[in-house]
Amino acid sequence: MTREEILQGIEEVAREHLDLPGHSLRPEQRLAEDLALDSIQRLTLAVEVENRFRVLLDPEDDEAIATVGDLAEVVGRKLREGPPGGA
C-alpha cells in the first residue's frame, strides 16, 4: 500500500468518524494544533485507523504521532511488519 493510499484512508476515517471540514488533510497538519483534535477524538482516530488498516498501534507509537504524516508513516511501517507475532 502506498503512502498516498494510506493518507487517503486516514482522511476517509477522519471524515466519517470525526466530522472534519471538507478540505483535504495534508501530511504536515498537526493533529492537536491544526485539526483541533482533543484526546477523545485522537483515540477515536487511532481506533478507527486500526480497524481500517488492520494494524495495532502501540502506546509508543502514540508518542511519535504528532501529524497526519506521522500517523501515515506508522501505519505504513505496521503494514510492512505484518501481523503481530508473525501470524
N, C-alpha and C. Protein backbone atom coordinates (compact mmCIF):
# COMPACT_ATOMS: atom_id res chain seq x y z
N MET A 1 0.85 -1.17 0.00
CA MET A 1 0.00 0.00 0.00
C MET A 1 0.90 1.24 0.00
N THR A 2 0.58 2.19 -0.86
CA THR A 2 1.41 3.40 -0.96
C THR A 2 1.07 4.40 0.14
N ARG A 3 1.98 5.34 0.33
CA ARG A 3 1.75 6.41 1.32
C ARG A 3 0.49 7.19 0.97
N GLU A 4 0.29 7.46 -0.32
CA GLU A 4 -0.90 8.20 -0.75
C GLU A 4 -2.18 7.44 -0.42
N GLU A 5 -2.17 6.13 -0.61
CA GLU A 5 -3.35 5.32 -0.27
C GLU A 5 -3.61 5.34 1.23
N ILE A 6 -2.54 5.30 2.01
CA ILE A 6 -2.69 5.36 3.47
C ILE A 6 -3.25 6.72 3.87
N LEU A 7 -2.70 7.79 3.31
CA LEU A 7 -3.21 9.13 3.63
C LEU A 7 -4.67 9.27 3.24
N GLN A 8 -5.05 8.74 2.10
CA GLN A 8 -6.44 8.79 1.67
C GLN A 8 -7.34 8.02 2.65
N GLY A 9 -6.88 6.86 3.09
CA GLY A 9 -7.65 6.08 4.06
C GLY A 9 -7.81 6.81 5.38
N ILE A 10 -6.74 7.46 5.84
CA ILE A 10 -6.81 8.24 7.08
C ILE A 10 -7.81 9.38 6.92
N GLU A 11 -7.78 10.04 5.77
CA GLU A 11 -8.71 11.14 5.51
C GLU A 11 -10.16 10.63 5.53
N GLU A 12 -10.40 9.48 4.92
CA GLU A 12 -11.75 8.92 4.90
C GLU A 12 -12.22 8.59 6.31
N VAL A 13 -11.34 8.00 7.11
CA VAL A 13 -11.67 7.68 8.51
C VAL A 13 -11.99 8.96 9.27
N ALA A 14 -11.17 9.98 9.09
CA ALA A 14 -11.37 11.25 9.81
C ALA A 14 -12.71 11.88 9.43
N ARG A 15 -13.03 11.87 8.15
CA ARG A 15 -14.31 12.45 7.72
C ARG A 15 -15.51 11.69 8.29
N GLU A 16 -15.41 10.37 8.25
CA GLU A 16 -16.53 9.54 8.69
C GLU A 16 -16.74 9.58 10.20
N HIS A 17 -15.65 9.58 10.96
CA HIS A 17 -15.77 9.42 12.41
C HIS A 17 -15.52 10.69 13.21
N LEU A 18 -14.93 11.72 12.59
CA LEU A 18 -14.60 12.93 13.34
C LEU A 18 -15.28 14.17 12.80
N ASP A 19 -16.02 14.02 11.72
CA ASP A 19 -16.76 15.14 11.14
C ASP A 19 -15.84 16.34 10.88
N LEU A 20 -14.70 16.06 10.24
CA LEU A 20 -13.77 17.15 9.90
C LEU A 20 -14.30 17.92 8.70
N PRO A 21 -13.92 19.18 8.59
CA PRO A 21 -14.38 20.00 7.46
C PRO A 21 -13.93 19.42 6.12
N GLY A 22 -14.50 19.94 5.03
CA GLY A 22 -14.34 19.37 3.71
C GLY A 22 -12.98 19.44 3.06
N HIS A 23 -12.03 20.20 3.59
CA HIS A 23 -10.74 20.29 2.91
C HIS A 23 -9.92 19.02 3.10
N SER A 24 -8.97 18.80 2.20
CA SER A 24 -8.12 17.61 2.26
C SER A 24 -7.14 17.72 3.42
N LEU A 25 -6.86 16.58 4.01
CA LEU A 25 -5.83 16.54 5.04
C LEU A 25 -4.47 16.56 4.35
N ARG A 26 -3.52 17.23 4.99
CA ARG A 26 -2.16 17.30 4.48
C ARG A 26 -1.22 16.65 5.49
N PRO A 27 -0.17 15.99 5.02
CA PRO A 27 0.73 15.29 5.93
C PRO A 27 1.31 16.17 7.03
N GLU A 28 1.53 17.44 6.75
CA GLU A 28 2.16 18.32 7.75
C GLU A 28 1.19 18.83 8.81
N GLN A 29 -0.10 18.57 8.65
CA GLN A 29 -1.07 19.06 9.64
C GLN A 29 -0.90 18.34 10.97
N ARG A 30 -0.84 19.13 12.03
CA ARG A 30 -0.72 18.57 13.38
C ARG A 30 -2.11 18.20 13.89
N LEU A 31 -2.19 17.04 14.52
CA LEU A 31 -3.50 16.53 14.96
C LEU A 31 -4.14 17.44 16.00
N ALA A 32 -3.39 17.87 16.99
CA ALA A 32 -3.96 18.69 18.06
C ALA A 32 -4.08 20.15 17.64
N GLU A 33 -2.99 20.73 17.16
CA GLU A 33 -2.97 22.16 16.90
C GLU A 33 -3.73 22.56 15.64
N ASP A 34 -3.48 21.89 14.52
CA ASP A 34 -4.09 22.29 13.25
C ASP A 34 -5.51 21.73 13.06
N LEU A 35 -5.70 20.47 13.47
CA LEU A 35 -7.02 19.85 13.30
C LEU A 35 -7.89 19.98 14.54
N ALA A 36 -7.32 20.48 15.63
CA ALA A 36 -8.03 20.71 16.89
C ALA A 36 -8.69 19.44 17.43
N LEU A 37 -7.96 18.31 17.34
CA LEU A 37 -8.48 17.06 17.87
C LEU A 37 -8.16 16.98 19.36
N ASP A 38 -9.18 16.74 20.16
CA ASP A 38 -8.95 16.54 21.59
C ASP A 38 -8.55 15.08 21.82
N SER A 39 -8.32 14.71 23.07
CA SER A 39 -7.83 13.37 23.37
C SER A 39 -8.83 12.28 22.96
N ILE A 40 -10.10 12.53 23.12
CA ILE A 40 -11.12 11.55 22.72
C ILE A 40 -11.13 11.39 21.21
N GLN A 41 -11.03 12.49 20.49
CA GLN A 41 -11.02 12.42 19.03
C GLN A 41 -9.75 11.73 18.52
N ARG A 42 -8.63 11.96 19.17
CA ARG A 42 -7.39 11.27 18.77
C ARG A 42 -7.51 9.78 19.03
N LEU A 43 -8.12 9.40 20.13
CA LEU A 43 -8.33 7.98 20.42
C LEU A 43 -9.27 7.37 19.39
N THR A 44 -10.34 8.07 19.06
CA THR A 44 -11.27 7.60 18.04
C THR A 44 -10.56 7.41 16.71
N LEU A 45 -9.75 8.38 16.33
CA LEU A 45 -8.99 8.28 15.09
C LEU A 45 -8.08 7.06 15.12
N ALA A 46 -7.36 6.87 16.22
CA ALA A 46 -6.45 5.73 16.33
C ALA A 46 -7.18 4.40 16.19
N VAL A 47 -8.29 4.25 16.90
CA VAL A 47 -9.05 3.00 16.87
C VAL A 47 -9.61 2.74 15.47
N GLU A 48 -10.15 3.78 14.85
CA GLU A 48 -10.75 3.59 13.53
C GLU A 48 -9.68 3.36 12.45
N VAL A 49 -8.50 3.97 12.61
CA VAL A 49 -7.39 3.69 11.69
C VAL A 49 -6.93 2.24 11.87
N GLU A 50 -6.85 1.78 13.11
CA GLU A 50 -6.52 0.37 13.36
C GLU A 50 -7.51 -0.55 12.66
N ASN A 51 -8.79 -0.25 12.78
CA ASN A 51 -9.82 -1.07 12.15
C ASN A 51 -9.71 -1.03 10.63
N ARG A 52 -9.50 0.14 10.08
CA ARG A 52 -9.44 0.32 8.63
C ARG A 52 -8.27 -0.45 8.00
N PHE A 53 -7.10 -0.33 8.64
CA PHE A 53 -5.90 -0.90 8.06
C PHE A 53 -5.51 -2.25 8.67
N ARG A 54 -6.26 -2.70 9.68
CA ARG A 54 -5.98 -3.98 10.35
C ARG A 54 -4.57 -4.01 10.93
N VAL A 55 -4.24 -2.93 11.67
CA VAL A 55 -2.96 -2.84 12.36
C VAL A 55 -3.24 -2.56 13.83
N LEU A 56 -2.21 -2.72 14.65
CA LEU A 56 -2.31 -2.43 16.07
C LEU A 56 -1.29 -1.35 16.43
N LEU A 57 -1.78 -0.19 16.85
CA LEU A 57 -0.90 0.91 17.25
C LEU A 57 -0.53 0.72 18.72
N ASP A 58 0.75 0.79 19.00
CA ASP A 58 1.25 0.63 20.36
C ASP A 58 1.28 1.97 21.08
N PRO A 59 1.28 1.97 22.42
CA PRO A 59 1.40 3.23 23.16
C PRO A 59 2.64 4.03 22.75
N GLU A 60 3.75 3.33 22.42
CA GLU A 60 4.96 4.02 21.99
C GLU A 60 4.71 4.76 20.67
N ASP A 61 3.85 4.19 19.82
CA ASP A 61 3.52 4.83 18.55
C ASP A 61 2.83 6.17 18.78
N ASP A 62 1.98 6.22 19.78
CA ASP A 62 1.24 7.44 20.07
C ASP A 62 2.17 8.61 20.34
N GLU A 63 3.27 8.34 21.03
CA GLU A 63 4.23 9.39 21.34
C GLU A 63 4.90 9.94 20.08
N ALA A 64 4.99 9.13 19.03
CA ALA A 64 5.67 9.53 17.79
C ALA A 64 4.72 10.17 16.78
N ILE A 65 3.44 10.21 17.10
CA ILE A 65 2.45 10.71 16.15
C ILE A 65 1.98 12.09 16.55
N ALA A 66 2.45 13.09 15.81
CA ALA A 66 2.01 14.47 16.04
C ALA A 66 1.26 15.01 14.83
N THR A 67 1.57 14.47 13.64
CA THR A 67 0.96 14.98 12.41
C THR A 67 0.25 13.86 11.66
N VAL A 68 -0.51 14.25 10.66
CA VAL A 68 -1.17 13.27 9.79
C VAL A 68 -0.11 12.41 9.10
N GLY A 69 0.99 13.04 8.69
CA GLY A 69 2.08 12.30 8.05
C GLY A 69 2.73 11.29 8.98
N ASP A 70 2.88 11.66 10.26
CA ASP A 70 3.43 10.73 11.25
C ASP A 70 2.53 9.50 11.36
N LEU A 71 1.23 9.73 11.40
CA LEU A 71 0.28 8.62 11.50
C LEU A 71 0.39 7.72 10.27
N ALA A 72 0.48 8.32 9.09
CA ALA A 72 0.62 7.54 7.86
C ALA A 72 1.91 6.73 7.88
N GLU A 73 2.98 7.32 8.39
CA GLU A 73 4.27 6.62 8.45
C GLU A 73 4.18 5.41 9.37
N VAL A 74 3.57 5.58 10.54
CA VAL A 74 3.44 4.48 11.50
C VAL A 74 2.56 3.37 10.90
N VAL A 75 1.45 3.74 10.28
CA VAL A 75 0.58 2.74 9.66
C VAL A 75 1.35 1.99 8.56
N GLY A 76 2.09 2.72 7.73
CA GLY A 76 2.87 2.07 6.69
C GLY A 76 3.88 1.09 7.26
N ARG A 77 4.55 1.48 8.33
CA ARG A 77 5.52 0.59 8.98
C ARG A 77 4.84 -0.66 9.52
N LYS A 78 3.69 -0.46 10.15
CA LYS A 78 2.95 -1.60 10.71
C LYS A 78 2.50 -2.56 9.60
N LEU A 79 2.08 -2.01 8.47
CA LEU A 79 1.66 -2.84 7.35
C LEU A 79 2.85 -3.64 6.80
N ARG A 80 4.01 -3.02 6.72
CA ARG A 80 5.21 -3.72 6.22
C ARG A 80 5.65 -4.81 7.19
N GLU A 81 5.48 -4.56 8.50
CA GLU A 81 5.89 -5.54 9.51
C GLU A 81 5.00 -6.76 9.51
N GLY A 82 3.75 -6.57 9.11
CA GLY A 82 2.80 -7.69 9.13
C GLY A 82 2.12 -7.81 10.47
N PRO A 83 1.30 -8.84 10.63
CA PRO A 83 0.53 -9.01 11.87
C PRO A 83 1.43 -9.23 13.07
N PRO A 84 0.96 -8.78 14.25
CA PRO A 84 1.73 -9.00 15.49
C PRO A 84 1.99 -10.49 15.69
N GLY A 85 3.19 -10.83 16.12
CA GLY A 85 3.52 -12.22 16.39
C GLY A 85 3.82 -13.03 15.15
N GLY A 86 3.84 -12.37 13.97
CA GLY A 86 4.17 -13.07 12.74
C GLY A 86 3.09 -13.99 12.24
N ALA A 87 1.88 -13.85 12.76
CA ALA A 87 0.79 -14.77 12.36
C ALA A 87 0.24 -14.41 11.01
